[in-house]
Amino acid sequence: MRALRLEPSLHLGIEAIDRQHGEMVDMINETQALLEAEESGDQLVQILNRFNTLCIDHFSTEEALMREAGYPDLAQHKKLHDGSLERAFGFDAASLGRDKEAGKALLQLLRDWLLAHIHADREMAHFLKAQGIR
């Protein structure tokens, strides 16, 4: 699997959001590198914990910007965030130390989730930029 890149087409034009998405890409690539090097599950658990913390911060950032701009679909977007956290926190981190396939499943989950998340953020970012938020 090749490394994930935050291609220009994935940039939303909101500095804080794009920076945090870039940090998530870096963590996904770090996860991939650990799996390819067959490193221990403990390091994967640490990345998952850092990723969860970043997601919480990221969702807080997005939600604060949406409130500031008066985004009309804030409640619906927040439901997406809450569902994402349930999936991430619901991942069996303990299995990462025992099962190489669990690490691969984590990597795929993170990759798929991030790309879907960025896609879901497009409408919100368009609204924020129309309100002068960059």
C-alpha atoms as a PDB file:
ATOM      1  CA  MET A   1       0.000   0.000   0.000  1.00  0.00           C
ATOM      2  CA  ARG A   2       1.411   3.372  -0.885  1.00  0.00           C
ATOM      3  CA  ALA A   3       1.595   6.238   1.567  1.00  0.00           C
ATOM      4  CA  LEU A   4      -1.393   8.520   1.819  1.00  0.00           C
ATOM      5  CA  ARG A   5      -0.883  12.095   0.629  1.00  0.00           C
ATOM      6  CA  LEU A   6      -2.940  15.159   1.316  1.00  0.00           C
ATOM      7  CA  GLU A   7      -3.234  16.040  -2.348  1.00  0.00           C
ATOM      8  CA  PRO A   8      -4.209  19.612  -3.250  1.00  0.00           C
ATOM      9  CA  SER A   9      -7.633  18.278  -4.228  1.00  0.00           C
ATOM     10  CA  LEU A  10      -8.135  17.282  -0.570  1.00  0.00           C
ATOM     11  CA  HIS A  11      -7.369  20.769   0.776  1.00  0.00           C
ATOM     12  CA  LEU A  12     -10.473  22.588   1.944  1.00  0.00           C
ATOM     13  CA  GLY A  13      -9.009  26.091   2.189  1.00  0.00           C
ATOM     14  CA  ILE A  14      -9.498  26.467   5.949  1.00  0.00           C
ATOM     15  CA  GLU A  15      -5.997  26.642   7.445  1.00  0.00           C
ATOM     16  CA  ALA A  16      -6.667  24.991  10.824  1.00  0.00           C
ATOM     17  CA  ILE A  17      -8.733  22.187   9.296  1.00  0.00           C
ATOM     18  CA  ASP A  18      -6.231  21.460   6.508  1.00  0.00           C
ATOM     19  CA  ARG A  19      -3.362  21.419   9.037  1.00  0.00           C
ATOM     20  CA  GLN A  20      -5.171  18.915  11.250  1.00  0.00           C
ATOM     21  CA  HIS A  21      -6.093  16.746   8.261  1.00  0.00           C
ATOM     22  CA  GLY A  22      -2.373  16.778   7.365  1.00  0.00           C
ATOM     23  CA  GLU A  23      -1.483  15.621  10.879  1.00  0.00           C
ATOM     24  CA  MET A  24      -3.946  12.757  10.488  1.00  0.00           C
ATOM     25  CA  VAL A  25      -2.327  11.770   7.183  1.00  0.00           C
ATOM     26  CA  ASP A  26       1.051  11.759   8.932  1.00  0.00           C
ATOM     27  CA  MET A  27      -0.274   9.451  11.654  1.00  0.00           C
ATOM     28  CA  ILE A  28      -1.800   7.109   9.093  1.00  0.00           C
ATOM     29  CA  ASN A  29       1.532   6.933   7.277  1.00  0.00           C
ATOM     30  CA  GLU A  30       3.309   6.351  10.585  1.00  0.00           C
ATOM     31  CA  THR A  31       0.913   3.456  11.226  1.00  0.00           C
ATOM     32  CA  GLN A  32       1.669   2.025   7.808  1.00  0.00           C
ATOM     33  CA  ALA A  33       5.429   2.309   8.352  1.00  0.00           C
ATOM     34  CA  LEU A  34       5.162   0.482  11.682  1.00  0.00           C
ATOM     35  CA  LEU A  35       3.132  -2.305  10.103  1.00  0.00           C
ATOM     36  CA  GLU A  36       5.573  -2.677   7.229  1.00  0.00           C
ATOM     37  CA  ALA A  37       8.490  -2.792   9.684  1.00  0.00           C
ATOM     38  CA  GLU A  38       6.544  -5.323  11.774  1.00  0.00           C
ATOM     39  CA  GLU A  39       6.933  -3.183  14.884  1.00  0.00           C
ATOM     40  CA  SER A  40       5.172  -3.955  18.145  1.00  0.00           C
ATOM     41  CA  GLY A  41       1.514  -3.458  18.785  1.00  0.00           C
ATOM     42  CA  ASP A  42       2.350  -1.133  21.676  1.00  0.00           C
ATOM     43  CA  GLN A  43       3.462   1.527  19.213  1.00  0.00           C
ATOM     44  CA  LEU A  44       0.274   1.047  17.211  1.00  0.00           C
ATOM     45  CA  VAL A  45      -1.784   1.524  20.371  1.00  0.00           C
ATOM     46  CA  GLN A  46       0.091   4.762  21.062  1.00  0.00           C
ATOM     47  CA  ILE A  47      -0.661   6.024  17.555  1.00  0.00           C
ATOM     48  CA  LEU A  48      -4.334   5.093  17.920  1.00  0.00           C
ATOM     49  CA  ASN A  49      -4.487   7.015  21.196  1.00  0.00           C
ATOM     50  CA  ARG A  50      -2.799  10.050  19.619  1.00  0.00           C
ATOM     51  CA  PHE A  51      -5.133   9.800  16.623  1.00  0.00           C
ATOM     52  CA  ASN A  52      -8.182   9.737  18.904  1.00  0.00           C
ATOM     53  CA  THR A  53      -6.909  12.809  20.776  1.00  0.00           C
ATOM     54  CA  LEU A  54      -6.294  14.610  17.489  1.00  0.00           C
ATOM     55  CA  CYS A  55      -9.790  13.705  16.276  1.00  0.00           C
ATOM     56  CA  ILE A  56     -11.358  15.152  19.421  1.00  0.00           C
ATOM     57  CA  ASP A  57      -9.350  18.376  18.985  1.00  0.00           C
ATOM     58  CA  HIS A  58     -10.143  18.482  15.268  1.00  0.00           C
ATOM     59  CA  PHE A  59     -13.870  17.992  15.762  1.00  0.00           C
ATOM     60  CA  SER A  60     -13.852  20.703  18.440  1.00  0.00           C
ATOM     61  CA  THR A  61     -12.108  23.050  15.999  1.00  0.00           C
ATOM     62  CA  GLU A  62     -14.593  22.333  13.226  1.00  0.00           C
ATOM     63  CA  GLU A  63     -17.597  22.654  15.516  1.00  0.00           C
ATOM     64  CA  ALA A  64     -16.346  25.970  16.938  1.00  0.00           C
ATOM     65  CA  LEU A  65     -15.869  27.339  13.410  1.00  0.00           C
ATOM     66  CA  MET A  66     -19.336  26.126  12.393  1.00  0.00           C
ATOM     67  CA  ARG A  67     -20.908  27.801  15.455  1.00  0.00           C
ATOM     68  CA  GLU A  68     -18.986  31.012  14.769  1.00  0.00           C
ATOM     69  CA  ALA A  69     -20.196  31.079  11.153  1.00  0.00           C
ATOM     70  CA  GLY A  70     -23.764  30.024  11.935  1.00  0.00           C
ATOM     71  CA  TYR A  71     -23.517  26.839   9.872  1.00  0.00           C
ATOM     72  CA  PRO A  72     -27.109  25.591   9.463  1.00  0.00           C
ATOM     73  CA  ASP A  73     -26.173  21.858   9.411  1.00  0.00           C
ATOM     74  CA  LEU A  74     -24.043  21.921  12.561  1.00  0.00           C
ATOM     75  CA  ALA A  75     -26.197  19.354  14.392  1.00  0.00           C
ATOM     76  CA  GLN A  76     -26.026  16.874  11.501  1.00  0.00           C
ATOM     77  CA  HIS A  77     -22.270  17.372  11.054  1.00  0.00           C
ATOM     78  CA  LYS A  78     -21.763  16.865  14.794  1.00  0.00           C
ATOM     79  CA  LYS A  79     -23.608  13.532  14.515  1.00  0.00           C
ATOM     80  CA  LEU A  80     -21.016  12.468  11.919  1.00  0.00           C
ATOM     81  CA  HIS A  81     -18.262  13.461  14.336  1.00  0.00           C
ATOM     82  CA  ASP A  82     -19.849  11.560  17.201  1.00  0.00           C
ATOM     83  CA  GLY A  83     -20.210   8.438  15.044  1.00  0.00           C
ATOM     84  CA  SER A  84     -16.583   8.699  14.002  1.00  0.00           C
ATOM     85  CA  LEU A  85     -15.447   8.836  17.613  1.00  0.00           C
ATOM     86  CA  GLU A  86     -17.555   5.800  18.465  1.00  0.00           C
ATOM     87  CA  ARG A  87     -15.868   3.827  15.666  1.00  0.00           C
ATOM     88  CA  ALA A  88     -12.361   4.978  16.624  1.00  0.00           C
ATOM     89  CA  PHE A  89     -12.801   4.418  20.351  1.00  0.00           C
ATOM     90  CA  GLY A  90     -14.602   1.164  19.632  1.00  0.00           C
ATOM     91  CA  PHE A  91     -11.559  -0.288  17.876  1.00  0.00           C
ATOM     92  CA  ASP A  92     -10.077  -3.130  19.914  1.00  0.00           C
ATOM     93  CA  ALA A  93      -6.686  -1.571  20.639  1.00  0.00           C
ATOM     94  CA  ALA A  94      -5.636  -4.571  22.739  1.00  0.00           C
ATOM     95  CA  SER A  95      -5.771  -6.763  19.641  1.00  0.00           C
ATOM     96  CA  LEU A  96      -3.036  -4.682  17.996  1.00  0.00           C
ATOM     97  CA  GLY A  97      -0.410  -6.349  20.147  1.00  0.00           C
ATOM     98  CA  ARG A  98      -1.623  -9.855  19.337  1.00  0.00           C
ATOM     99  CA  ASP A  99      -2.834  -9.753  15.778  1.00  0.00           C
ATOM    100  CA  LYS A 100      -1.046  -8.344  12.746  1.00  0.00           C
ATOM    101  CA  GLU A 101      -4.326  -8.382  10.817  1.00  0.00           C
ATOM    102  CA  ALA A 102      -5.818  -6.042  13.432  1.00  0.00           C
ATOM    103  CA  GLY A 103      -3.123  -3.499  12.560  1.00  0.00           C
ATOM    104  CA  LYS A 104      -3.957  -3.791   8.878  1.00  0.00           C
ATOM    105  CA  ALA A 105      -7.644  -3.378   9.696  1.00  0.00           C
ATOM    106  CA  LEU A 106      -6.827  -0.270  11.747  1.00  0.00           C
ATOM    107  CA  LEU A 107      -4.817   1.204   8.886  1.00  0.00           C
ATOM    108  CA  GLN A 108      -7.628   0.597   6.409  1.00  0.00           C
ATOM    109  CA  LEU A 109     -10.195   2.017   8.833  1.00  0.00           C
ATOM    110  CA  LEU A 110      -8.174   5.200   9.323  1.00  0.00           C
ATOM    111  CA  ARG A 111      -7.483   5.673   5.604  1.00  0.00           C
ATOM    112  CA  ASP A 112     -11.094   5.107   4.564  1.00  0.00           C
ATOM    113  CA  TRP A 113     -12.457   7.201   7.388  1.00  0.00           C
ATOM    114  CA  LEU A 114     -10.186  10.198   6.737  1.00  0.00           C
ATOM    115  CA  LEU A 115     -10.978  10.353   3.025  1.00  0.00           C
ATOM    116  CA  ALA A 116     -14.721  10.088   3.750  1.00  0.00           C
ATOM    117  CA  HIS A 117     -14.403  12.720   6.482  1.00  0.00           C
ATOM    118  CA  ILE A 118     -12.660  15.193   4.181  1.00  0.00           C
ATOM    119  CA  HIS A 119     -15.325  14.602   1.546  1.00  0.00           C
ATOM    120  CA  ALA A 120     -18.061  15.248   4.144  1.00  0.00           C
ATOM    121  CA  ASP A 121     -16.271  18.465   5.208  1.00  0.00           C
ATOM    122  CA  ARG A 122     -16.421  20.017   1.726  1.00  0.00           C
ATOM    123  CA  GLU A 123     -19.885  21.542   2.059  1.00  0.00           C
ATOM    124  CA  MET A 124     -19.065  22.874   5.522  1.00  0.00           C
ATOM    125  CA  ALA A 125     -15.782  24.379   4.298  1.00  0.00           C
ATOM    126  CA  HIS A 126     -17.529  26.036   1.358  1.00  0.00           C
ATOM    127  CA  PHE A 127     -19.992  27.657   3.777  1.00  0.00           C
ATOM    128  CA  LEU A 128     -17.220  28.750   6.159  1.00  0.00           C
ATOM    129  CA  LYS A 129     -15.217  30.346   3.353  1.00  0.00           C
ATOM    130  CA  ALA A 130     -18.349  32.196   2.159  1.00  0.00           C
ATOM    131  CA  GLN A 131     -18.521  33.627   5.700  1.00  0.00           C
ATOM    132  CA  GLY A 132     -14.896  34.818   5.446  1.00  0.00           C
ATOM    133  CA  ILE A 133     -13.305  32.059   7.509  1.00  0.00           C
ATOM    134  CA  ARG A 134      -9.998  30.886   6.123  1.00  0.00           C
END
